[in-house]
């Protein structure tokens, strides 16, 4: 044994050095201890993969979400016009979830591509809300004074608006303004309008929470030390303030995603969201209701409903687990 190795070895009985964990590392350790959280995380991952792999899965099935099957061998054109025949109404080897009434399009393919649309709208609108809420809330809490007063009144104004009525009013206006433009091709306009409207009207609550956190953070000693070294306001907000409210922002984001999934489904169900033939879970629910297909073909209504319920429930439970992991006191209060 070399002398150098012996000299650097810790003496017997000495306490072992404990390496500190980051906030996210500690949160992940707590999440792993919860079976509900891990099951919810697994479901969320599976749903995201289901959406991302929609082209692959539908290619394996051999179906296209827009291909219609209106022949008499698929749809009953006599006693119940437009309803799928018994061999096509429910899951089969050819159509994994059956076909929809009226046009005979494959339900599995439309559910998979609908997951893409629903999750894209929910994720992008959440990102818009998080950016606006974090930046404006941090600015209000850090600068104070007139800036805080203006942003706080703006927050109060947005929180006072009836969001659903505003979205129902603004989304059709945005779509009608752009319907004759080159952007109106495909589903770009309805998806973009939902992202803008949901994101723009969802930031105020987060901004109020971030503002309250920043009001206490800006009085900390390390903030005063950074100021004494001449750190700019922008650098202070980006490098000192926002990283210290990241936990609150992360919790809000995980809770906002299922809210936006539900909002997209509700708006598409009401006819101001994604329009046919672009598939989304809300549009599928709207189709089941408009043609009264749910009366004679409840499976057509059940497929998107079950997918929506499972996804939203998994995101909500995961959001609760993230909140409890980042702030264990919240679960005891």
Protein backbone atom coordinates (compact mmCIF):
# COMPACT_ATOMS: atom_id res chain seq x y z
CA UNK A 1 0.00 0.00 0.00
CA UNK A 2 1.47 3.36 -0.97
CA UNK A 3 2.05 6.11 1.57
CA UNK A 4 -0.01 8.59 -0.49
CA UNK A 5 -3.04 6.31 -0.52
CA UNK A 6 -2.75 5.79 3.23
CA UNK A 7 -2.48 9.52 3.88
CA UNK A 8 -5.60 10.41 1.94
CA UNK A 9 -7.76 7.63 3.38
CA UNK A 10 -10.29 8.81 6.02
CA UNK A 11 -9.58 7.62 9.58
CA UNK A 12 -11.61 4.74 10.97
CA UNK A 13 -14.87 5.80 12.62
CA UNK A 14 -14.93 9.17 10.86
CA UNK A 15 -18.41 10.21 9.63
CA UNK A 16 -19.02 9.74 5.93
CA UNK A 17 -19.38 12.82 3.78
CA UNK A 18 -22.98 13.39 2.70
CA UNK A 19 -23.44 14.84 -0.77
CA UNK A 20 -26.28 17.33 -1.07
CA UNK A 21 -29.17 16.83 -3.48
CA UNK A 22 -30.64 19.45 -5.75
CA UNK A 23 -34.27 20.48 -5.45
CA UNK A 24 -35.25 18.42 -8.48
CA UNK A 25 -33.21 15.45 -7.24
CA UNK A 26 -34.96 15.52 -3.88
CA UNK A 27 -38.35 15.88 -5.58
CA UNK A 28 -37.66 12.91 -7.86
CA UNK A 29 -36.68 10.79 -4.85
CA UNK A 30 -40.01 11.60 -3.18
CA UNK A 31 -41.99 10.96 -6.35
CA UNK A 32 -40.40 7.51 -6.75
CA UNK A 33 -41.69 6.54 -3.30
CA UNK A 34 -45.31 7.11 -4.39
CA UNK A 35 -46.90 4.28 -6.36
CA UNK A 36 -49.72 6.55 -7.55
CA UNK A 37 -47.21 9.10 -8.83
CA UNK A 38 -45.19 6.48 -10.70
CA UNK A 39 -48.29 4.91 -12.26
CA UNK A 40 -49.49 8.38 -13.31
CA UNK A 41 -46.07 9.19 -14.76
CA UNK A 42 -46.09 5.90 -16.70
CA UNK A 43 -49.55 6.69 -18.14
CA UNK A 44 -48.45 10.20 -19.13
CA UNK A 45 -45.34 8.82 -20.86
CA UNK A 46 -47.44 6.20 -22.66
CA UNK A 47 -49.91 8.83 -23.86
CA UNK A 48 -47.10 11.05 -25.14
CA UNK A 49 -45.53 8.08 -26.94
CA UNK A 50 -48.97 7.13 -28.29
CA UNK A 51 -49.26 10.60 -29.82
CA UNK A 52 -45.68 10.74 -31.13
CA UNK A 53 -45.87 7.27 -32.66
CA UNK A 54 -49.30 7.78 -34.26
CA UNK A 55 -47.95 7.41 -37.84
CA UNK A 56 -46.09 4.23 -36.90
CA UNK A 57 -49.02 2.66 -35.04
CA UNK A 58 -51.53 3.43 -37.78
CA UNK A 59 -49.12 2.08 -40.38
CA UNK A 60 -48.88 -1.17 -38.41
CA UNK A 61 -52.68 -1.30 -38.23
CA UNK A 62 -52.85 -0.50 -41.94
CA UNK A 63 -55.39 2.32 -41.62
CA UNK A 64 -55.52 6.05 -42.35
CA UNK A 65 -57.36 8.55 -40.12
CA UNK A 66 -58.95 10.30 -43.12
CA UNK A 67 -59.83 7.24 -45.22
CA UNK A 68 -63.61 6.73 -45.43
CA UNK A 69 -65.38 3.37 -45.65
CA UNK A 70 -69.01 3.99 -46.62
CA UNK A 71 -69.68 0.77 -48.49
CA UNK A 72 -72.59 -1.53 -47.56
CA UNK A 73 -70.09 -4.10 -46.30
CA UNK A 74 -68.99 -1.66 -43.53
CA UNK A 75 -71.97 0.61 -42.78
CA UNK A 76 -75.59 -0.41 -42.41
CA UNK A 77 -77.53 1.59 -45.01
CA UNK A 78 -80.99 0.15 -44.28
CA UNK A 79 -82.46 -0.13 -40.77
CA UNK A 80 -79.86 2.13 -39.13
CA UNK A 81 -78.35 4.30 -41.90
CA UNK A 82 -74.69 5.11 -41.30
CA UNK A 83 -74.15 2.83 -38.31
CA UNK A 84 -71.25 0.37 -38.52
CA UNK A 85 -72.16 -3.25 -39.01
CA UNK A 86 -71.56 -5.51 -35.97
CA UNK A 87 -68.17 -6.63 -37.30
CA UNK A 88 -66.97 -3.01 -37.58
CA UNK A 89 -68.63 -1.31 -34.61
CA UNK A 90 -66.26 -2.78 -32.02
CA UNK A 91 -62.53 -3.69 -31.98
CA UNK A 92 -61.35 -6.21 -34.53
CA UNK A 93 -58.09 -7.35 -36.13
CA UNK A 94 -58.64 -5.03 -39.09
CA UNK A 95 -59.88 -2.00 -37.12
CA UNK A 96 -58.41 -2.08 -33.61
CA UNK A 97 -61.14 0.12 -32.12
CA UNK A 98 -63.80 -0.23 -34.81
CA UNK A 99 -64.96 2.49 -37.19
CA UNK A 100 -66.98 5.65 -36.67
CA UNK A 101 -70.59 5.99 -37.88
CA UNK A 102 -71.41 7.99 -40.97
CA UNK A 103 -68.03 7.96 -42.71
CA UNK A 104 -66.60 4.68 -41.47
CA UNK A 105 -63.19 6.16 -40.59
CA UNK A 106 -60.91 4.10 -38.36
CA UNK A 107 -61.36 5.02 -34.68
CA UNK A 108 -57.89 3.95 -33.55
CA UNK A 109 -56.18 6.06 -36.21
CA UNK A 110 -58.29 9.11 -35.37
CA UNK A 111 -57.73 8.60 -31.65
CA UNK A 112 -53.95 8.44 -32.15
CA UNK A 113 -53.77 11.53 -34.36
CA UNK A 114 -56.30 13.25 -32.10
CA UNK A 115 -53.91 12.70 -29.18
CA UNK A 116 -51.27 14.61 -31.15
CA UNK A 117 -53.55 17.59 -31.67
CA UNK A 118 -54.90 17.66 -28.11
CA UNK A 119 -51.47 17.35 -26.48
CA UNK A 120 -49.86 19.90 -28.83
CA UNK A 121 -52.52 22.48 -28.01
CA UNK A 122 -52.30 21.75 -24.27
CA UNK A 123 -48.49 21.84 -24.13
CA UNK A 124 -48.00 24.94 -26.31
CA UNK A 125 -50.73 26.94 -24.54
CA UNK A 126 -49.21 25.96 -21.19
CA UNK A 127 -45.77 27.16 -22.37
CA UNK A 128 -47.28 30.50 -23.42
CA UNK A 129 -49.00 30.91 -20.05
CA UNK A 130 -45.88 29.91 -18.10
CA UNK A 131 -43.62 32.35 -19.98
CA UNK A 132 -46.03 35.28 -19.63
CA UNK A 133 -46.90 34.51 -16.00
CA UNK A 134 -43.31 33.97 -14.88
CA UNK A 135 -41.84 37.03 -16.60
CA UNK A 136 -44.62 39.45 -15.62
CA UNK A 137 -44.92 38.10 -12.08
CA UNK A 138 -41.16 38.27 -11.53
CA UNK A 139 -41.02 41.82 -12.93
CA UNK A 140 -43.88 42.97 -10.70
CA UNK A 141 -42.37 41.49 -7.54
CA UNK A 142 -38.80 42.57 -8.26
CA UNK A 143 -39.28 46.17 -9.38
CA UNK A 144 -42.30 47.07 -7.22
CA UNK A 145 -43.65 50.61 -7.36
CA UNK A 146 -45.51 51.69 -10.49
CA UNK A 147 -44.49 48.61 -12.46
CA UNK A 148 -45.95 46.39 -9.76
CA UNK A 149 -49.15 48.46 -9.66
CA UNK A 150 -49.67 48.28 -13.43
CA UNK A 151 -48.99 44.54 -13.69
CA UNK A 152 -51.08 43.78 -10.58
CA UNK A 153 -54.08 45.66 -12.01
CA UNK A 154 -53.58 43.80 -15.29
CA UNK A 155 -53.58 40.51 -13.38
CA UNK A 156 -56.78 41.47 -11.57
CA UNK A 157 -58.38 42.41 -14.89
CA UNK A 158 -57.53 39.07 -16.53
CA UNK A 159 -58.68 37.11 -13.48
CA UNK A 160 -62.00 38.96 -13.55
CA UNK A 161 -62.73 37.97 -17.17
CA UNK A 162 -65.07 35.01 -17.77
CA UNK A 163 -62.50 32.97 -19.70
CA UNK A 164 -64.87 30.53 -21.36
CA UNK A 165 -67.06 33.29 -22.81
CA UNK A 166 -64.01 35.19 -24.04
CA UNK A 167 -62.54 32.12 -25.70
CA UNK A 168 -65.88 31.29 -27.31
CA UNK A 169 -66.00 34.83 -28.68
CA UNK A 170 -62.38 35.36 -29.72
CA UNK A 171 -61.49 31.96 -31.22
CA UNK A 172 -64.08 32.18 -34.06
CA UNK A 173 -62.99 35.78 -34.80
CA UNK A 174 -59.34 34.74 -35.16
CA UNK A 175 -60.31 31.84 -37.39
CA UNK A 176 -62.59 33.93 -39.60
CA UNK A 177 -59.93 36.65 -40.01
CA UNK A 178 -57.41 34.11 -41.26
CA UNK A 179 -59.69 31.82 -43.25
CA UNK A 180 -58.87 33.49 -46.58
CA UNK A 181 -55.13 33.69 -45.94
CA UNK A 182 -52.47 31.12 -46.92
CA UNK A 183 -52.32 30.11 -43.24
CA UNK A 184 -55.85 28.71 -43.44
CA UNK A 185 -54.68 25.52 -45.11
CA UNK A 186 -55.19 22.40 -42.99
CA UNK A 187 -55.58 22.74 -39.24
CA UNK A 188 -52.99 25.48 -38.64
CA UNK A 189 -55.48 28.26 -37.92
CA UNK A 190 -57.76 26.48 -35.39
CA UNK A 191 -54.80 24.99 -33.54
CA UNK A 192 -52.93 28.30 -33.45
CA UNK A 193 -56.02 30.23 -32.36
CA UNK A 194 -56.61 27.83 -29.46
CA UNK A 195 -52.96 28.00 -28.38
CA UNK A 196 -52.98 31.81 -28.45
CA UNK A 197 -56.31 32.23 -26.68
CA UNK A 198 -55.79 29.55 -24.01
CA UNK A 199 -52.20 30.64 -23.39
CA UNK A 200 -52.97 34.35 -23.32
CA UNK A 201 -55.80 34.02 -20.81
CA UNK A 202 -54.07 31.47 -18.57
CA UNK A 203 -51.05 33.40 -17.27
CA UNK A 204 -52.62 35.67 -14.65
CA UNK A 205 -52.95 33.17 -11.79
CA UNK A 206 -49.32 32.06 -12.13
CA UNK A 207 -48.17 35.69 -12.30
CA UNK A 208 -49.87 36.42 -8.97
CA UNK A 209 -48.20 33.39 -7.33
CA UNK A 210 -44.75 34.26 -8.76
CA UNK A 211 -45.12 37.89 -7.67
CA UNK A 212 -45.81 36.82 -4.08
CA UNK A 213 -42.76 34.55 -4.08
CA UNK A 214 -40.49 37.22 -5.56
CA UNK A 215 -41.57 39.80 -2.99
CA UNK A 216 -39.95 37.67 -0.29
CA UNK A 217 -36.98 36.50 -2.39
CA UNK A 218 -35.85 40.02 -3.29
CA UNK A 219 -35.18 40.78 0.38
CA UNK A 220 -32.78 37.85 0.79
CA UNK A 221 -29.12 38.53 1.55
CA UNK A 222 -27.79 36.94 -1.62
CA UNK A 223 -29.95 39.32 -3.68
CA UNK A 224 -28.54 42.29 -1.78
CA UNK A 225 -25.03 40.92 -2.33
CA UNK A 226 -25.66 40.59 -6.07
CA UNK A 227 -26.92 44.17 -6.18
CA UNK A 228 -23.80 45.40 -4.39
CA UNK A 229 -21.66 43.84 -7.12
CA UNK A 230 -23.55 45.82 -9.75
CA UNK A 231 -25.52 42.95 -11.27
CA UNK A 232 -27.97 44.22 -13.89
CA UNK A 233 -31.72 43.92 -13.36
CA UNK A 234 -32.12 41.53 -16.30
CA UNK A 235 -29.33 39.27 -15.04
CA UNK A 236 -30.78 39.40 -11.53
CA UNK A 237 -34.23 38.31 -12.71
CA UNK A 238 -32.99 35.59 -15.06
CA UNK A 239 -30.20 34.15 -12.90
CA UNK A 240 -31.30 34.80 -9.32
CA UNK A 241 -35.07 35.32 -9.16
CA UNK A 242 -36.58 32.96 -11.74
CA UNK A 243 -34.47 29.89 -10.76
CA UNK A 244 -35.74 30.27 -7.20
CA UNK A 245 -39.38 30.17 -8.28
CA UNK A 246 -38.84 27.26 -10.70
CA UNK A 247 -40.51 24.82 -8.30
CA UNK A 248 -43.72 26.87 -8.18
CA UNK A 249 -43.69 27.27 -11.96
CA UNK A 250 -43.18 23.54 -12.49
CA UNK A 251 -46.10 22.67 -10.22
CA UNK A 252 -48.33 25.18 -12.02
CA UNK A 253 -47.32 23.80 -15.42
CA UNK A 254 -48.12 20.20 -14.47
CA UNK A 255 -51.55 21.30 -13.21
CA UNK A 256 -52.20 23.54 -16.23
CA UNK A 257 -51.64 20.87 -18.89
CA UNK A 258 -54.72 18.77 -17.97
CA UNK A 259 -56.76 21.97 -17.66
CA UNK A 260 -55.84 22.92 -21.23
CA UNK A 261 -56.51 19.39 -22.50
CA UNK A 262 -60.01 19.63 -21.04
CA UNK A 263 -60.45 23.18 -22.40
CA UNK A 264 -59.48 22.09 -25.92
CA UNK A 265 -61.90 19.18 -25.75
CA UNK A 266 -64.68 21.44 -24.48
CA UNK A 267 -64.10 24.07 -27.17
CA UNK A 268 -63.93 21.49 -29.95
CA UNK A 269 -67.06 19.88 -28.54
CA UNK A 270 -68.80 23.28 -28.68
CA UNK A 271 -67.71 23.73 -32.31
CA UNK A 272 -65.17 26.58 -31.94
CA UNK A 273 -62.05 24.44 -31.75
CA UNK A 274 -60.58 21.90 -34.14
CA UNK A 275 -62.86 21.16 -37.07
CA UNK A 276 -63.44 17.96 -39.01
CA UNK A 277 -61.58 16.29 -40.74
CA UNK A 278 -58.71 17.17 -38.36
CA UNK A 279 -59.05 14.68 -35.50
CA UNK A 280 -58.97 15.69 -31.86
CA UNK A 281 -60.61 14.13 -28.85
CA UNK A 282 -62.99 17.06 -28.48
CA UNK A 283 -63.88 16.94 -32.17
CA UNK A 284 -64.66 13.21 -31.87
CA UNK A 285 -66.96 13.94 -28.93
CA UNK A 286 -68.61 16.69 -30.97
CA UNK A 287 -69.20 14.29 -33.87
CA UNK A 288 -70.79 11.73 -31.54
CA UNK A 289 -73.14 14.38 -30.18
CA UNK A 290 -74.00 16.17 -33.42
CA UNK A 291 -75.21 13.11 -35.25
CA UNK A 292 -76.78 11.57 -32.12
CA UNK A 293 -74.57 8.56 -32.84
CA UNK A 294 -74.08 7.97 -29.10
CA UNK A 295 -77.68 6.74 -28.87
CA UNK A 296 -77.14 3.73 -31.13
CA UNK A 297 -73.34 3.49 -31.02
CA UNK A 298 -72.18 4.39 -27.47
CA UNK A 299 -68.75 2.88 -28.21
CA UNK A 300 -68.07 5.83 -30.56
CA UNK A 301 -68.56 8.19 -27.60
CA UNK A 302 -66.77 5.97 -25.09
CA UNK A 303 -63.43 5.73 -26.96
CA UNK A 304 -62.42 9.44 -26.84
CA UNK A 305 -64.12 9.91 -23.45
CA UNK A 306 -62.08 7.15 -21.80
CA UNK A 307 -58.86 8.42 -23.36
CA UNK A 308 -59.62 11.95 -22.16
CA UNK A 309 -60.51 10.86 -18.62
CA UNK A 310 -57.43 8.65 -18.22
CA UNK A 311 -55.05 11.32 -19.56
CA UNK A 312 -56.46 14.19 -17.50
CA UNK A 313 -56.59 12.07 -14.34
CA UNK A 314 -52.97 10.93 -14.82
CA UNK A 315 -51.75 14.50 -15.34
CA UNK A 316 -53.71 15.73 -12.30
CA UNK A 317 -52.35 13.00 -10.02
CA UNK A 318 -48.83 13.61 -11.31
CA UNK A 319 -49.26 17.33 -10.68
CA UNK A 320 -50.35 16.63 -7.09
CA UNK A 321 -47.30 14.40 -6.63
CA UNK A 322 -44.95 17.07 -7.99
CA UNK A 323 -46.49 19.68 -5.71
CA UNK A 324 -46.11 17.44 -2.64
CA UNK A 325 -42.55 16.51 -3.63
CA UNK A 326 -41.44 20.13 -4.03
CA UNK A 327 -43.34 21.34 -0.97
CA UNK A 328 -43.95 18.45 1.50
CA UNK A 329 -45.71 20.83 3.93
CA UNK A 330 -48.53 21.36 1.42
CA UNK A 331 -49.66 17.73 1.76
CA UNK A 332 -49.95 18.10 5.53
CA UNK A 333 -51.80 21.40 5.59
